[in-house]
Amino acid sequence: MMKLYLPPHRLVNLGLVLQYDKEVFKCELKEENFLTWNDRLLINRERARIMAKDDSYRQDSALENKIDQILQEIKKKNWKPLKEIEYAKNF
């Protein structure tokens, strides 16, 4: 049976950063993504650790600055993704 899972704030923010990078930078602006392939890999690695209840993973300062820049843009524009990430957990 599936129950509502309230994901940690950091997990939600990282998901939004990845979605914004894909939807806005690549689709709307017709530019290369702001995040590199390696940046996306590291963000997904952190997301996996958070989902495994391991919050010890830390990004380097350069990537953390990129994440913060994108989060500021998201808040400033009140941006919402085309499709929200659905978090579910089996109990």
N, C-alpha and C. Protein backbone atom coordinates (compact mmCIF):
# COMPACT_ATOMS: atom_id res chain seq x y z
N MET A 1 0.84 -1.17 0.00
CA MET A 1 0.00 0.00 0.00
C MET A 1 0.89 1.25 0.00
N MET A 2 0.53 2.23 -0.81
CA MET A 2 1.31 3.45 -0.90
C MET A 2 0.72 4.51 0.02
N LYS A 3 1.59 5.18 0.74
CA LYS A 3 1.17 6.28 1.59
C LYS A 3 1.91 7.53 1.16
N LEU A 4 1.37 8.65 1.54
CA LEU A 4 1.99 9.92 1.22
C LEU A 4 3.35 10.01 1.90
N TYR A 5 4.34 10.38 1.13
CA TYR A 5 5.69 10.54 1.64
C TYR A 5 6.06 12.00 1.50
N LEU A 6 6.41 12.65 2.57
CA LEU A 6 6.83 14.04 2.53
C LEU A 6 8.35 14.07 2.44
N PRO A 7 8.87 14.35 1.26
CA PRO A 7 10.32 14.32 1.07
C PRO A 7 11.01 15.49 1.77
N PRO A 8 12.27 15.30 2.14
CA PRO A 8 13.02 16.40 2.74
C PRO A 8 13.10 17.59 1.77
N HIS A 9 13.17 18.77 2.32
CA HIS A 9 13.21 20.01 1.54
C HIS A 9 14.37 20.00 0.53
N ARG A 10 15.53 19.53 0.96
CA ARG A 10 16.70 19.49 0.07
C ARG A 10 16.44 18.60 -1.13
N LEU A 11 15.79 17.47 -0.93
CA LEU A 11 15.48 16.55 -2.03
C LEU A 11 14.57 17.23 -3.05
N VAL A 12 13.56 17.93 -2.57
CA VAL A 12 12.64 18.64 -3.46
C VAL A 12 13.39 19.72 -4.23
N ASN A 13 14.22 20.48 -3.53
CA ASN A 13 14.98 21.55 -4.18
C ASN A 13 15.91 21.02 -5.26
N LEU A 14 16.59 19.92 -4.98
CA LEU A 14 17.50 19.35 -5.98
C LEU A 14 16.73 18.88 -7.21
N GLY A 15 15.56 18.31 -6.99
CA GLY A 15 14.72 17.89 -8.12
C GLY A 15 14.29 19.08 -8.95
N LEU A 16 13.92 20.18 -8.29
CA LEU A 16 13.52 21.39 -9.00
C LEU A 16 14.69 21.97 -9.81
N VAL A 17 15.87 21.93 -9.23
CA VAL A 17 17.06 22.43 -9.94
C VAL A 17 17.28 21.65 -11.23
N LEU A 18 17.17 20.32 -11.15
CA LEU A 18 17.36 19.50 -12.34
C LEU A 18 16.27 19.78 -13.38
N GLN A 19 15.04 19.92 -12.93
CA GLN A 19 13.94 20.20 -13.85
C GLN A 19 14.08 21.59 -14.49
N TYR A 20 14.45 22.57 -13.71
CA TYR A 20 14.62 23.93 -14.23
C TYR A 20 15.73 23.94 -15.28
N ASP A 21 16.82 23.28 -14.96
CA ASP A 21 17.94 23.22 -15.90
C ASP A 21 17.51 22.60 -17.23
N LYS A 22 16.71 21.56 -17.16
CA LYS A 22 16.26 20.88 -18.38
C LYS A 22 15.19 21.68 -19.12
N GLU A 23 14.19 22.15 -18.40
CA GLU A 23 13.05 22.81 -19.04
C GLU A 23 13.34 24.24 -19.48
N VAL A 24 14.03 25.00 -18.67
CA VAL A 24 14.23 26.42 -18.96
C VAL A 24 15.48 26.66 -19.78
N PHE A 25 16.61 26.19 -19.29
CA PHE A 25 17.86 26.48 -19.99
C PHE A 25 17.90 25.83 -21.37
N LYS A 26 17.47 24.60 -21.45
CA LYS A 26 17.57 23.89 -22.72
C LYS A 26 16.39 24.16 -23.64
N CYS A 27 15.19 24.11 -23.13
CA CYS A 27 14.00 24.23 -23.98
C CYS A 27 13.63 25.67 -24.29
N GLU A 28 13.46 26.48 -23.27
CA GLU A 28 12.97 27.84 -23.48
C GLU A 28 14.04 28.77 -24.03
N LEU A 29 15.25 28.65 -23.53
CA LEU A 29 16.31 29.56 -23.95
C LEU A 29 17.10 29.03 -25.14
N LYS A 30 16.85 27.78 -25.49
CA LYS A 30 17.55 27.14 -26.61
C LYS A 30 19.07 27.22 -26.45
N GLU A 31 19.51 27.13 -25.21
CA GLU A 31 20.93 27.15 -24.92
C GLU A 31 21.33 25.81 -24.35
N GLU A 32 22.62 25.67 -24.19
CA GLU A 32 23.10 24.50 -23.48
C GLU A 32 22.61 24.57 -22.04
N ASN A 33 22.50 23.43 -21.42
CA ASN A 33 22.12 23.40 -20.02
C ASN A 33 23.14 24.17 -19.19
N PHE A 34 22.69 24.79 -18.13
CA PHE A 34 23.56 25.49 -17.19
C PHE A 34 24.43 24.49 -16.45
N LEU A 35 23.83 23.36 -16.10
CA LEU A 35 24.57 22.31 -15.40
C LEU A 35 25.23 21.38 -16.41
N THR A 36 26.42 20.95 -16.08
CA THR A 36 27.11 19.98 -16.94
C THR A 36 26.57 18.59 -16.66
N TRP A 37 26.95 17.64 -17.50
CA TRP A 37 26.56 16.25 -17.29
C TRP A 37 27.05 15.78 -15.92
N ASN A 38 28.27 16.15 -15.57
CA ASN A 38 28.84 15.75 -14.28
C ASN A 38 28.10 16.40 -13.11
N ASP A 39 27.71 17.67 -13.25
CA ASP A 39 26.93 18.35 -12.21
C ASP A 39 25.63 17.58 -11.96
N ARG A 40 24.96 17.21 -13.03
CA ARG A 40 23.69 16.49 -12.91
C ARG A 40 23.89 15.14 -12.21
N LEU A 41 24.99 14.48 -12.56
CA LEU A 41 25.32 13.19 -11.93
C LEU A 41 25.52 13.38 -10.42
N LEU A 42 26.26 14.39 -10.03
CA LEU A 42 26.52 14.64 -8.61
C LEU A 42 25.25 15.01 -7.86
N ILE A 43 24.38 15.79 -8.49
CA ILE A 43 23.10 16.14 -7.86
C ILE A 43 22.25 14.88 -7.68
N ASN A 44 22.21 14.04 -8.70
CA ASN A 44 21.43 12.80 -8.58
C ASN A 44 22.03 11.86 -7.53
N ARG A 45 23.34 11.88 -7.40
CA ARG A 45 23.99 11.07 -6.36
C ARG A 45 23.55 11.55 -4.98
N GLU A 46 23.50 12.85 -4.78
CA GLU A 46 23.05 13.38 -3.50
C GLU A 46 21.58 13.02 -3.27
N ARG A 47 20.75 13.14 -4.30
CA ARG A 47 19.33 12.79 -4.17
C ARG A 47 19.17 11.33 -3.74
N ALA A 48 19.97 10.45 -4.33
CA ALA A 48 19.90 9.02 -3.97
C ALA A 48 20.29 8.82 -2.51
N ARG A 49 21.31 9.52 -2.06
CA ARG A 49 21.73 9.40 -0.66
C ARG A 49 20.64 9.89 0.28
N ILE A 50 20.00 11.00 -0.08
CA ILE A 50 18.93 11.54 0.76
C ILE A 50 17.79 10.52 0.85
N MET A 51 17.43 9.92 -0.29
CA MET A 51 16.35 8.93 -0.28
C MET A 51 16.72 7.69 0.53
N ALA A 52 18.03 7.43 0.67
CA ALA A 52 18.50 6.32 1.48
C ALA A 52 18.72 6.74 2.94
N LYS A 53 18.25 7.95 3.27
CA LYS A 53 18.36 8.51 4.63
C LYS A 53 19.79 8.76 5.06
N ASP A 54 20.65 9.08 4.09
CA ASP A 54 22.03 9.44 4.37
C ASP A 54 22.21 10.91 3.98
N ASP A 55 22.29 11.76 4.98
CA ASP A 55 22.41 13.20 4.68
C ASP A 55 23.84 13.71 4.83
N SER A 56 24.80 12.81 4.74
CA SER A 56 26.20 13.21 4.91
C SER A 56 26.85 13.69 3.62
N TYR A 57 26.21 13.48 2.48
CA TYR A 57 26.80 13.85 1.20
C TYR A 57 26.78 15.36 1.02
N ARG A 58 27.90 15.93 0.60
CA ARG A 58 28.01 17.37 0.39
C ARG A 58 28.59 17.65 -0.99
N GLN A 59 28.04 18.66 -1.65
CA GLN A 59 28.55 19.10 -2.95
C GLN A 59 29.73 20.04 -2.74
N ASP A 60 30.59 20.14 -3.77
CA ASP A 60 31.66 21.13 -3.65
C ASP A 60 31.07 22.53 -3.78
N SER A 61 31.85 23.53 -3.41
CA SER A 61 31.31 24.90 -3.34
C SER A 61 30.90 25.44 -4.71
N ALA A 62 31.60 25.07 -5.77
CA ALA A 62 31.23 25.56 -7.11
C ALA A 62 29.85 25.06 -7.52
N LEU A 63 29.60 23.77 -7.32
CA LEU A 63 28.29 23.21 -7.67
C LEU A 63 27.22 23.74 -6.74
N GLU A 64 27.54 23.88 -5.47
CA GLU A 64 26.56 24.41 -4.52
C GLU A 64 26.16 25.83 -4.91
N ASN A 65 27.10 26.62 -5.43
CA ASN A 65 26.78 27.97 -5.91
C ASN A 65 25.84 27.92 -7.10
N LYS A 66 26.06 26.97 -8.03
CA LYS A 66 25.16 26.82 -9.17
C LYS A 66 23.76 26.45 -8.71
N ILE A 67 23.68 25.52 -7.76
CA ILE A 67 22.39 25.10 -7.21
C ILE A 67 21.68 26.31 -6.60
N ASP A 68 22.42 27.09 -5.82
CA ASP A 68 21.82 28.28 -5.19
C ASP A 68 21.35 29.29 -6.23
N GLN A 69 22.12 29.50 -7.30
CA GLN A 69 21.73 30.43 -8.35
C GLN A 69 20.40 30.00 -9.00
N ILE A 70 20.30 28.72 -9.29
CA ILE A 70 19.07 28.22 -9.93
C ILE A 70 17.89 28.34 -8.96
N LEU A 71 18.10 28.01 -7.69
CA LEU A 71 17.02 28.13 -6.72
C LEU A 71 16.55 29.58 -6.58
N GLN A 72 17.48 30.52 -6.65
CA GLN A 72 17.10 31.94 -6.59
C GLN A 72 16.26 32.32 -7.81
N GLU A 73 16.63 31.82 -8.98
CA GLU A 73 15.85 32.09 -10.20
C GLU A 73 14.44 31.50 -10.09
N ILE A 74 14.37 30.28 -9.57
CA ILE A 74 13.07 29.61 -9.40
C ILE A 74 12.17 30.45 -8.50
N LYS A 75 12.71 30.93 -7.38
CA LYS A 75 11.92 31.72 -6.44
C LYS A 75 11.55 33.08 -7.04
N LYS A 76 12.50 33.70 -7.71
CA LYS A 76 12.27 35.03 -8.28
C LYS A 76 11.16 35.00 -9.33
N LYS A 77 11.16 33.95 -10.15
CA LYS A 77 10.17 33.83 -11.22
C LYS A 77 8.92 33.07 -10.79
N ASN A 78 8.93 32.54 -9.56
CA ASN A 78 7.84 31.69 -9.08
C ASN A 78 7.57 30.57 -10.09
N TRP A 79 8.65 29.99 -10.57
CA TRP A 79 8.60 28.96 -11.61
C TRP A 79 8.08 27.63 -11.06
N LYS A 80 7.29 26.95 -11.86
CA LYS A 80 6.77 25.61 -11.54
C LYS A 80 7.11 24.69 -12.71
N PRO A 81 7.51 23.46 -12.42
CA PRO A 81 7.84 22.52 -13.51
C PRO A 81 6.60 22.09 -14.29
N LEU A 82 6.82 21.61 -15.50
CA LEU A 82 5.71 21.11 -16.31
C LEU A 82 5.03 19.93 -15.62
N LYS A 83 5.83 19.09 -15.00
CA LYS A 83 5.29 17.94 -14.27
C LYS A 83 6.05 17.82 -12.95
N GLU A 84 5.30 17.84 -11.87
CA GLU A 84 5.92 17.73 -10.55
C GLU A 84 6.45 16.31 -10.32
N ILE A 85 7.54 16.21 -9.61
CA ILE A 85 8.06 14.89 -9.24
C ILE A 85 7.15 14.32 -8.17
N GLU A 86 6.71 13.10 -8.35
CA GLU A 86 5.86 12.44 -7.36
C GLU A 86 6.71 11.54 -6.48
N TYR A 87 6.67 11.82 -5.21
CA TYR A 87 7.43 11.02 -4.26
C TYR A 87 6.47 10.08 -3.55
N ALA A 88 6.73 8.80 -3.62
CA ALA A 88 5.90 7.81 -2.95
C ALA A 88 6.83 6.84 -2.24
N LYS A 89 6.33 6.27 -1.19
CA LYS A 89 7.14 5.33 -0.42
C LYS A 89 6.25 4.17 0.01
N ASN A 90 6.76 2.98 -0.15
CA ASN A 90 6.02 1.78 0.30
C ASN A 90 6.16 1.64 1.81
N PHE A 91 5.06 1.34 2.46
CA PHE A 91 5.06 1.10 3.90
C PHE A 91 4.52 -0.27 4.18
